[in-house]
PDB file of N, CA and C in Angstrom:
ATOM      1  N   MET A   1     -14.874 -31.864  34.276  1.00  0.00           N
ATOM      2  CA  MET A   1     -16.082 -30.674  33.022  1.00  0.00           C
ATOM      3  C   MET A   1     -15.757 -29.532  33.787  1.00  0.00           C
ATOM      4  N   ASN A   2     -14.647 -28.547  34.645  1.00  0.00           N
ATOM      5  CA  ASN A   2     -14.746 -27.680  36.062  1.00  0.00           C
ATOM      6  C   ASN A   2     -13.446 -26.823  35.144  1.00  0.00           C
ATOM      7  N   GLU A   3     -13.135 -27.746  34.782  1.00  0.00           N
ATOM      8  CA  GLU A   3     -12.140 -26.558  33.179  1.00  0.00           C
ATOM      9  C   GLU A   3     -12.432 -26.093  32.108  1.00  0.00           C
ATOM     10  N   ARG A   4     -13.182 -27.210  31.379  1.00  0.00           N
ATOM     11  CA  ARG A   4     -13.727 -27.588  30.763  1.00  0.00           C
ATOM     12  C   ARG A   4     -14.047 -25.672  30.170  1.00  0.00           C
ATOM     13  N   VAL A   5     -15.194 -25.370  31.270  1.00  0.00           N
ATOM     14  CA  VAL A   5     -15.899 -24.548  31.293  1.00  0.00           C
ATOM     15  C   VAL A   5     -15.581 -23.013  32.318  1.00  0.00           C
ATOM     16  N   LYS A   6     -13.937 -23.108  32.079  1.00  0.00           N
ATOM     17  CA  LYS A   6     -12.878 -22.387  33.159  1.00  0.00           C
ATOM     18  C   LYS A   6     -12.692 -21.618  31.856  1.00  0.00           C
ATOM     19  N   GLU A   7     -12.376 -22.748  31.027  1.00  0.00           N
ATOM     20  CA  GLU A   7     -11.686 -22.610  29.368  1.00  0.00           C
ATOM     21  C   GLU A   7     -12.555 -21.289  27.992  1.00  0.00           C
ATOM     22  N   LYS A   8     -14.091 -21.887  27.961  1.00  0.00           N
ATOM     23  CA  LYS A   8     -14.934 -21.619  27.712  1.00  0.00           C
ATOM     24  C   LYS A   8     -15.605 -20.958  28.302  1.00  0.00           C
ATOM     25  N   GLU A   9     -14.909 -19.805  29.473  1.00  0.00           N
ATOM     26  CA  GLU A   9     -15.570 -18.735  30.084  1.00  0.00           C
ATOM     27  C   GLU A   9     -14.253 -17.424  29.722  1.00  0.00           C
ATOM     28  N   ASP A  10     -13.075 -18.269  29.841  1.00  0.00           N
ATOM     29  CA  ASP A  10     -11.762 -17.476  29.120  1.00  0.00           C
ATOM     30  C   ASP A  10     -11.862 -17.047  27.542  1.00  0.00           C
ATOM     31  N   LYS A  11     -11.858 -18.004  27.093  1.00  0.00           N
ATOM     32  CA  LYS A  11     -12.658 -17.825  25.276  1.00  0.00           C
ATOM     33  C   LYS A  11     -13.953 -16.457  25.159  1.00  0.00           C
ATOM     34  N   LEU A  12     -14.791 -16.586  25.785  1.00  0.00           N
ATOM     35  CA  LEU A  12     -16.007 -15.926  26.033  1.00  0.00           C
ATOM     36  C   LEU A  12     -15.278 -14.450  26.245  1.00  0.00           C
ATOM     37  N   ASN A  13     -14.684 -15.128  27.519  1.00  0.00           N
ATOM     38  CA  ASN A  13     -14.327 -12.877  28.059  1.00  0.00           C
ATOM     39  C   ASN A  13     -13.151 -12.879  26.653  1.00  0.00           C
ATOM     40  N   LYS A  14     -12.463 -12.994  26.214  1.00  0.00           N
ATOM     41  CA  LYS A  14     -12.279 -12.299  25.376  1.00  0.00           C
ATOM     42  C   LYS A  14     -12.349 -12.359  24.538  1.00  0.00           C
ATOM     43  N   LEU A  15     -13.150 -12.862  24.155  1.00  0.00           N
ATOM     44  CA  LEU A  15     -13.659 -12.831  22.665  1.00  0.00           C
ATOM     45  C   LEU A  15     -14.845 -11.450  23.075  1.00  0.00           C
ATOM     46  N   LEU A  16     -15.928 -10.996  23.582  1.00  0.00           N
ATOM     47  CA  LEU A  16     -16.152  -9.696  24.451  1.00  0.00           C
ATOM     48  C   LEU A  16     -15.152  -8.545  24.662  1.00  0.00           C
ATOM     49  N   LYS A  17     -14.588  -8.339  25.130  1.00  0.00           N
ATOM     50  CA  LYS A  17     -13.548  -7.400  24.470  1.00  0.00           C
ATOM     51  C   LYS A  17     -13.141  -7.798  23.000  1.00  0.00           C
ATOM     52  N   ILE A  18     -12.343  -8.446  22.516  1.00  0.00           N
ATOM     53  CA  ILE A  18     -12.765  -8.047  20.977  1.00  0.00           C
ATOM     54  C   ILE A  18     -13.630  -7.745  20.151  1.00  0.00           C
ATOM     55  N   VAL A  19     -15.006  -8.039  20.380  1.00  0.00           N
ATOM     56  CA  VAL A  19     -16.474  -7.748  19.452  1.00  0.00           C
ATOM     57  C   VAL A  19     -16.911  -6.543  20.374  1.00  0.00           C
ATOM     58  N   ASN A  20     -15.998  -6.052  21.527  1.00  0.00           N
ATOM     59  CA  ASN A  20     -16.829  -4.415  21.576  1.00  0.00           C
ATOM     60  C   ASN A  20     -15.795  -3.399  21.767  1.00  0.00           C
ATOM     61  N   LYS A  21     -13.890  -4.135  21.352  1.00  0.00           N
ATOM     62  CA  LYS A  21     -13.816  -3.137  20.739  1.00  0.00           C
ATOM     63  C   LYS A  21     -13.889  -2.550  19.530  1.00  0.00           C
ATOM     64  N   LEU A  22     -14.314  -4.043  18.473  1.00  0.00           N
ATOM     65  CA  LEU A  22     -14.623  -4.114  17.529  1.00  0.00           C
ATOM     66  C   LEU A  22     -16.156  -3.323  16.936  1.00  0.00           C
ATOM     67  N   GLU A  23     -17.043  -3.382  18.031  1.00  0.00           N
ATOM     68  CA  GLU A  23     -18.168  -3.104  17.668  1.00  0.00           C
ATOM     69  C   GLU A  23     -17.797  -0.661  17.920  1.00  0.00           C
ATOM     70  N   LYS A  24     -16.415  -0.483  19.702  1.00  0.00           N
ATOM     71  CA  LYS A  24     -16.649   0.727  19.700  1.00  0.00           C
ATOM     72  C   LYS A  24     -15.625   0.932  17.636  1.00  0.00           C
ATOM     73  N   ASP A  25     -15.355   1.217  16.764  1.00  0.00           N
ATOM     74  CA  ASP A  25     -14.743   1.361  16.366  1.00  0.00           C
ATOM     75  C   ASP A  25     -15.367   1.385  14.734  1.00  0.00           C
ATOM     76  N   ILE A  26     -15.855   0.362  14.836  1.00  0.00           N
ATOM     77  CA  ILE A  26     -17.247   0.531  13.716  1.00  0.00           C
ATOM     78  C   ILE A  26     -18.227   2.142  13.502  1.00  0.00           C
ATOM     79  N   ASP A  27     -18.874   1.780  15.144  1.00  0.00           N
ATOM     80  CA  ASP A  27     -18.929   3.262  15.231  1.00  0.00           C
ATOM     81  C   ASP A  27     -18.080   4.991  14.928  1.00  0.00           C
ATOM     82  N   THR A  28     -17.179   4.730  16.091  1.00  0.00           N
ATOM     83  CA  THR A  28     -16.324   5.478  15.650  1.00  0.00           C
ATOM     84  C   THR A  28     -16.126   6.046  14.055  1.00  0.00           C
ATOM     85  N   LEU A  29     -15.962   4.996  13.236  1.00  0.00           N
ATOM     86  CA  LEU A  29     -16.068   4.616  11.799  1.00  0.00           C
ATOM     87  C   LEU A  29     -16.844   5.625  11.199  1.00  0.00           C
ATOM     88  N   SER A  30     -18.181   4.839  11.843  1.00  0.00           N
ATOM     89  CA  SER A  30     -19.628   5.142  11.105  1.00  0.00           C
ATOM     90  C   SER A  30     -19.687   7.624  11.095  1.00  0.00           C
ATOM     91  N   CYS A  31     -18.845   7.468  12.340  1.00  0.00           N
ATOM     92  CA  CYS A  31     -20.074   8.733  12.339  1.00  0.00           C
ATOM     93  C   CYS A  31     -18.864  10.085  11.364  1.00  0.00           C
ATOM     94  N   TYR A  32     -17.547   9.039  11.046  1.00  0.00           N
ATOM     95  CA  TYR A  32     -16.704   9.761   9.414  1.00  0.00           C
ATOM     96  C   TYR A  32     -17.180   9.385   8.254  1.00  0.00           C
ATOM     97  N   GLN A  33     -18.627   8.619   8.138  1.00  0.00           N
ATOM     98  CA  GLN A  33     -19.851   7.702   6.629  1.00  0.00           C
ATOM     99  C   GLN A  33     -19.243   9.250   6.007  1.00  0.00           C
ATOM    100  N   ASN A  34     -19.706  10.577   6.033  1.00  0.00           N
ATOM    101  CA  ASN A  34     -20.047  11.375   5.560  1.00  0.00           C
ATOM    102  C   ASN A  34     -18.288  11.823   4.406  1.00  0.00           C
ATOM    103  N   ASP A  35     -17.475  11.740   5.179  1.00  0.00           N
ATOM    104  CA  ASP A  35     -16.373  11.964   5.999  1.00  0.00           C
ATOM    105  C   ASP A  35     -15.967  11.126   4.047  1.00  0.00           C
ATOM    106  N   LEU A  36     -16.100   9.599   4.416  1.00  0.00           N
ATOM    107  CA  LEU A  36     -15.823   8.098   3.312  1.00  0.00           C
ATOM    108  C   LEU A  36     -15.933   8.344   1.806  1.00  0.00           C
ATOM    109  N   ILE A  37     -17.661   8.767   2.037  1.00  0.00           N
ATOM    110  CA  ILE A  37     -18.170   8.909   1.576  1.00  0.00           C
ATOM    111  C   ILE A  37     -17.555  10.336   0.342  1.00  0.00           C
ATOM    112  N   ASP A  38     -17.495  11.406   0.907  1.00  0.00           N
ATOM    113  CA  ASP A  38     -16.437  12.557  -0.457  1.00  0.00           C
ATOM    114  C   ASP A  38     -15.603  12.267  -0.351  1.00  0.00           C
ATOM    115  N   ILE A  39     -14.670  11.465  -0.542  1.00  0.00           N
ATOM    116  CA  ILE A  39     -12.815  10.944  -0.016  1.00  0.00           C
ATOM    117  C   ILE A  39     -13.131   9.898  -1.389  1.00  0.00           C
ATOM    118  N   ASN A  40     -15.143   8.947  -1.633  1.00  0.00           N
ATOM    119  CA  ASN A  40     -14.939   8.152  -1.886  1.00  0.00           C
ATOM    120  C   ASN A  40     -15.160   9.236  -3.667  1.00  0.00           C
ATOM    121  N   ASN A  41     -16.145   9.945  -3.291  1.00  0.00           N
ATOM    122  CA  ASN A  41     -16.675  10.215  -4.546  1.00  0.00           C
ATOM    123  C   ASN A  41     -15.333  11.879  -5.008  1.00  0.00           C
ATOM    124  N   TYR A  42     -14.140  11.889  -4.300  1.00  0.00           N
ATOM    125  CA  TYR A  42     -13.862  12.941  -4.752  1.00  0.00           C
ATOM    126  C   TYR A  42     -12.513  12.300  -5.393  1.00  0.00           C
ATOM    127  N   TYR A  43     -12.892  10.572  -4.770  1.00  0.00           N
ATOM    128  CA  TYR A  43     -10.825   9.978  -5.899  1.00  0.00           C
ATOM    129  C   TYR A  43     -11.981  10.171  -7.792  1.00  0.00           C
ATOM    130  N   GLY A  44     -11.487  11.120  -8.754  1.00  0.00           N
ATOM    131  CA  GLY A  44     -11.133  10.411  -9.453  1.00  0.00           C
ATOM    132  C   GLY A  44     -12.028  11.036  -9.952  1.00  0.00           C
ATOM    133  N   SER A  45     -12.470  11.936  -9.842  1.00  0.00           N
ATOM    134  CA  SER A  45     -13.341  13.155 -10.194  1.00  0.00           C
ATOM    135  C   SER A  45     -12.772  14.350 -10.140  1.00  0.00           C
ATOM    136  N   ASN A  46     -13.676  14.827 -11.652  1.00  0.00           N
ATOM    137  CA  ASN A  46     -13.015  16.481 -12.096  1.00  0.00           C
ATOM    138  C   ASN A  46     -11.933  16.954 -11.807  1.00  0.00           C
ATOM    139  N   ASP A  47     -12.510  16.682 -10.076  1.00  0.00           N
ATOM    140  CA  ASP A  47     -12.552  17.924  -9.045  1.00  0.00           C
ATOM    141  C   ASP A  47     -10.561  17.688  -8.665  1.00  0.00           C
ATOM    142  N   TYR A  48     -10.654  16.162  -8.966  1.00  0.00           N
ATOM    143  CA  TYR A  48      -9.155  15.060  -8.591  1.00  0.00           C
ATOM    144  C   TYR A  48      -8.673  15.737  -9.001  1.00  0.00           C
ATOM    145  N   TYR A  49      -8.756  15.232 -10.548  1.00  0.00           N
ATOM    146  CA  TYR A  49      -8.185  15.615 -12.087  1.00  0.00           C
ATOM    147  C   TYR A  49      -7.529  17.377 -12.022  1.00  0.00           C
ATOM    148  N   ILE A  50      -8.112  18.092 -11.254  1.00  0.00           N
ATOM    149  CA  ILE A  50      -8.309  19.136 -11.961  1.00  0.00           C
ATOM    150  C   ILE A  50      -6.839  19.935 -10.845  1.00  0.00           C
ATOM    151  N   ASP A  51      -6.567  19.092  -8.810  1.00  0.00           N
ATOM    152  CA  ASP A  51      -6.096  19.598  -7.540  1.00  0.00           C
ATOM    153  C   ASP A  51      -4.858  19.576  -8.238  1.00  0.00           C
ATOM    154  N   LEU A  52      -4.533  17.512  -8.615  1.00  0.00           N
ATOM    155  CA  LEU A  52      -4.038  16.825  -9.148  1.00  0.00           C
ATOM    156  C   LEU A  52      -2.528  17.973 -10.253  1.00  0.00           C
ATOM    157  N   GLU A  53      -3.453  18.110 -11.167  1.00  0.00           N
ATOM    158  CA  GLU A  53      -2.809  18.835 -12.086  1.00  0.00           C
ATOM    159  C   GLU A  53      -2.805  19.889 -11.490  1.00  0.00           C
ATOM    160  N   ALA A  54      -2.681  21.048 -10.889  1.00  0.00           N
ATOM    161  CA  ALA A  54      -2.772  22.236 -10.526  1.00  0.00           C
ATOM    162  C   ALA A  54      -1.440  21.630  -9.038  1.00  0.00           C
ATOM    163  N   TYR A  55      -1.731  20.903  -8.440  1.00  0.00           N
ATOM    164  CA  TYR A  55      -0.391  20.055  -7.866  1.00  0.00           C
ATOM    165  C   TYR A  55       0.654  19.952  -8.858  1.00  0.00           C
ATOM    166  N   ASP A  56       0.881  19.998  -9.690  1.00  0.00           N
ATOM    167  CA  ASP A  56       1.474  19.345 -10.435  1.00  0.00           C
ATOM    168  C   ASP A  56       2.558  20.060 -11.009  1.00  0.00           C
ATOM    169  N   LYS A  57       1.159  21.198 -11.045  1.00  0.00           N
ATOM    170  CA  LYS A  57       1.756  22.453 -11.789  1.00  0.00           C
ATOM    171  C   LYS A  57       3.081  23.552 -10.602  1.00  0.00           C
ATOM    172  N   GLY A  58       2.787  22.708  -9.030  1.00  0.00           N
ATOM    173  CA  GLY A  58       3.340  23.612  -8.239  1.00  0.00           C
ATOM    174  C   GLY A  58       3.144  24.396  -7.497  1.00  0.00           C
ATOM    175  N   LEU A  59       1.336  24.415  -7.297  1.00  0.00           N
ATOM    176  CA  LEU A  59       0.477  25.388  -7.565  1.00  0.00           C
ATOM    177  C   LEU A  59      -0.564  25.493  -6.234  1.00  0.00           C
ATOM    178  N   ILE A  60      -0.268  23.562  -6.016  1.00  0.00           N
ATOM    179  CA  ILE A  60      -0.818  23.582  -4.116  1.00  0.00           C
ATOM    180  C   ILE A  60       0.750  23.576  -3.538  1.00  0.00           C
ATOM    181  N   THR A  61       0.928  23.225  -2.469  1.00  0.00           N
ATOM    182  CA  THR A  61       2.668  23.143  -1.460  1.00  0.00           C
ATOM    183  C   THR A  61       2.249  23.329  -0.126  1.00  0.00           C
ATOM    184  N   THR A  62       0.726  22.311   0.106  1.00  0.00           N
ATOM    185  CA  THR A  62       0.299  21.920   1.210  1.00  0.00           C
ATOM    186  C   THR A  62       0.535  19.794   0.864  1.00  0.00           C
ATOM    187  N   PRO A  63       0.528  19.616   2.392  1.00  0.00           N
ATOM    188  CA  PRO A  63       1.268  18.173   1.820  1.00  0.00           C
ATOM    189  C   PRO A  63      -1.153  17.324   1.229  1.00  0.00           C
ATOM    190  N   CYS A  64      -0.016  16.843   0.450  1.00  0.00           N
ATOM    191  CA  CYS A  64      -1.751  16.463  -0.999  1.00  0.00           C
ATOM    192  C   CYS A  64      -0.960  14.154  -0.305  1.00  0.00           C
ATOM    193  N   GLY A  65      -1.141  14.271   0.234  1.00  0.00           N
ATOM    194  CA  GLY A  65      -1.284  12.321   0.530  1.00  0.00           C
ATOM    195  C   GLY A  65      -3.071  12.068  -0.128  1.00  0.00           C
ATOM    196  N   VAL A  66      -3.725  13.253  -0.784  1.00  0.00           N
ATOM    197  CA  VAL A  66      -4.636  13.094  -1.193  1.00  0.00           C
ATOM    198  C   VAL A  66      -5.252  12.496  -2.259  1.00  0.00           C
ATOM    199  N   LEU A  67      -3.885  13.335  -2.865  1.00  0.00           N
ATOM    200  CA  LEU A  67      -4.028  13.710  -4.175  1.00  0.00           C
ATOM    201  C   LEU A  67      -3.182  12.159  -5.102  1.00  0.00           C
ATOM    202  N   SER A  68      -2.743  11.517  -4.095  1.00  0.00           N
ATOM    203  CA  SER A  68      -2.288  10.064  -4.402  1.00  0.00           C
ATOM    204  C   SER A  68      -3.573   9.098  -4.082  1.00  0.00           C
ATOM    205  N   GLU A  69      -3.364   9.011  -5.481  1.00  0.00           N
ATOM    206  CA  GLU A  69      -3.949   7.419  -5.980  1.00  0.00           C
ATOM    207  C   GLU A  69      -4.145   6.931  -5.562  1.00  0.00           C
ATOM    208  N   ASP A  70      -2.836   6.256  -5.370  1.00  0.00           N
ATOM    209  CA  ASP A  70      -2.790   4.552  -4.119  1.00  0.00           C
ATOM    210  C   ASP A  70      -3.216   5.431  -2.800  1.00  0.00           C
ATOM    211  N   THR A  71      -2.950   5.806  -2.039  1.00  0.00           N
ATOM    212  CA  THR A  71      -3.447   6.222  -0.432  1.00  0.00           C
ATOM    213  C   THR A  71      -4.904   6.314  -0.536  1.00  0.00           C
ATOM    214  N   ILE A  72      -5.493   6.885  -1.255  1.00  0.00           N
ATOM    215  CA  ILE A  72      -6.956   6.602  -1.657  1.00  0.00           C
ATOM    216  C   ILE A  72      -7.472   5.347  -1.889  1.00  0.00           C
ATOM    217  N   TRP A  73      -7.095   4.207  -3.398  1.00  0.00           N
ATOM    218  CA  TRP A  73      -7.022   3.631  -3.368  1.00  0.00           C
ATOM    219  C   TRP A  73      -7.082   2.370  -2.648  1.00  0.00           C
ATOM    220  N   ASN A  74      -5.854   1.955  -2.197  1.00  0.00           N
ATOM    221  CA  ASN A  74      -5.574   1.210  -0.394  1.00  0.00           C
ATOM    222  C   ASN A  74      -6.458   1.367   0.252  1.00  0.00           C
ATOM    223  N   MET A  75      -7.304   1.967   1.148  1.00  0.00           N
ATOM    224  CA  MET A  75      -8.100   2.766   1.854  1.00  0.00           C
ATOM    225  C   MET A  75      -9.320   2.385   2.139  1.00  0.00           C
ATOM    226  N   LEU A  76      -9.268   2.455   0.450  1.00  0.00           N
ATOM    227  CA  LEU A  76     -10.794   1.414  -0.059  1.00  0.00           C
ATOM    228  C   LEU A  76     -10.933   0.429  -0.433  1.00  0.00           C
ATOM    229  N   GLU A  77      -9.881  -0.155  -0.441  1.00  0.00           N
ATOM    230  CA  GLU A  77      -9.397  -1.391  -0.914  1.00  0.00           C
ATOM    231  C   GLU A  77      -9.711  -2.819   0.892  1.00  0.00           C
ATOM    232  N   LYS A  78      -8.981  -1.669   1.448  1.00  0.00           N
ATOM    233  CA  LYS A  78      -7.894  -2.002   2.805  1.00  0.00           C
ATOM    234  C   LYS A  78      -9.799  -2.086   3.404  1.00  0.00           C
ATOM    235  N   LEU A  79     -10.263  -1.364   3.417  1.00  0.00           N
ATOM    236  CA  LEU A  79     -12.208  -1.728   4.017  1.00  0.00           C
ATOM    237  C   LEU A  79     -13.066  -2.505   2.968  1.00  0.00           C
ATOM    238  N   ARG A  80     -13.155  -2.891   2.094  1.00  0.00           N
ATOM    239  CA  ARG A  80     -13.202  -4.052   1.513  1.00  0.00           C
ATOM    240  C   ARG A  80     -12.957  -5.040   1.932  1.00  0.00           C
ATOM    241  N   ASP A  81     -11.688  -5.126   1.685  1.00  0.00           N
ATOM    242  CA  ASP A  81     -11.269  -6.136   2.646  1.00  0.00           C
ATOM    243  C   ASP A  81     -11.387  -6.664   3.423  1.00  0.00           C
ATOM    244  N   GLU A  82     -11.539  -5.504   4.605  1.00  0.00           N
ATOM    245  CA  GLU A  82     -12.222  -6.041   6.048  1.00  0.00           C
ATOM    246  C   GLU A  82     -13.774  -6.823   6.580  1.00  0.00           C
ATOM    247  N   GLU A  83     -14.929  -6.016   5.053  1.00  0.00           N
ATOM    248  CA  GLU A  83     -15.559  -6.069   5.867  1.00  0.00           C
ATOM    249  C   GLU A  83     -15.614  -7.215   4.785  1.00  0.00           C
ATOM    250  N   GLU A  84     -15.276  -8.518   4.072  1.00  0.00           N
ATOM    251  CA  GLU A  84     -15.083  -9.718   3.582  1.00  0.00           C
ATOM    252  C   GLU A  84     -14.437 -10.788   4.766  1.00  0.00           C
ATOM    253  N   ARG A  85     -13.384 -10.257   5.181  1.00  0.00           N
ATOM    254  CA  ARG A  85     -13.152 -11.001   6.645  1.00  0.00           C
ATOM    255  C   ARG A  85     -13.833 -11.560   7.165  1.00  0.00           C
ATOM    256  N   LEU A  86     -14.559  -9.866   7.761  1.00  0.00           N
ATOM    257  CA  LEU A  86     -15.852 -10.190   8.961  1.00  0.00           C
ATOM    258  C   LEU A  86     -17.238 -11.048   8.286  1.00  0.00           C
ATOM    259  N   ASN A  87     -17.520 -11.444   7.014  1.00  0.00           N
ATOM    260  CA  ASN A  87     -18.348 -11.821   6.888  1.00  0.00           C
ATOM    261  C   ASN A  87     -17.971 -13.235   6.253  1.00  0.00           C
ATOM    262  N   GLU A  88     -16.666 -13.719   6.168  1.00  0.00           N
ATOM    263  CA  GLU A  88     -15.674 -15.371   6.142  1.00  0.00           C
ATOM    264  C   GLU A  88     -16.158 -15.658   7.385  1.00  0.00           C
ATOM    265  N   ILE A  89     -15.050 -14.605   8.647  1.00  0.00           N
ATOM    266  CA  ILE A  89     -15.739 -14.822  10.241  1.00  0.00           C
ATOM    267  C   ILE A  89     -16.629 -15.272  10.403  1.00  0.00           C
ATOM    268  N   ILE A  90     -18.290 -14.442  10.046  1.00  0.00           N
ATOM    269  CA  ILE A  90     -19.355 -15.196  10.795  1.00  0.00           C
ATOM    270  C   ILE A  90     -20.290 -15.427   9.785  1.00  0.00           C
ATOM    271  N   SER A  91     -19.839 -16.254   8.392  1.00  0.00           N
ATOM    272  CA  SER A  91     -20.183 -16.654   7.637  1.00  0.00           C
ATOM    273  C   SER A  91     -19.992 -18.047   8.139  1.00  0.00           C
ATOM    274  N   TYR A  92     -18.841 -18.947   9.324  1.00  0.00           N
ATOM    275  CA  TYR A  92     -17.998 -19.855  10.011  1.00  0.00           C
ATOM    276  C   TYR A  92     -19.804 -20.592  11.500  1.00  0.00           C
ATOM    277  N   LEU A  93     -20.358 -19.145  11.505  1.00  0.00           N
ATOM    278  CA  LEU A  93     -21.453 -19.079  13.016  1.00  0.00           C
ATOM    279  C   LEU A  93     -22.122 -20.313  12.415  1.00  0.00           C
ATOM    280  N   ASP A  94     -22.507 -20.239  10.929  1.00  0.00           N
ATOM    281  CA  ASP A  94     -23.728 -20.801  10.827  1.00  0.00           C
ATOM    282  C   ASP A  94     -23.332 -21.934  10.260  1.00  0.00           C
ATOM    283  N   GLU A  95     -22.534 -22.763  10.433  1.00  0.00           N
ATOM    284  CA  GLU A  95     -22.532 -23.679   9.859  1.00  0.00           C
ATOM    285  C   GLU A  95     -22.301 -25.057  10.458  1.00  0.00           C
TER     286      GLU A  95
END
């Protein structure tokens, strides 16, 4: 019985660290929510295509990862995937 309690205590402590880190990471992400909304709105907008055309013509010479459709798409999809994963983990608690 003592060993079982120790095992559960160890698991709880690991999980608390993970959940606390997740909370901090989500807090950090939420501080950048307006930036995330701005990038999401920029992607595929008229401004995006104007900037892309200017880049293709050599008028923009700074690094332009934001003009790579894959970079923005992958970031947004990663957020959606992580939301799905988190919901899946949480759903097991209701079973």
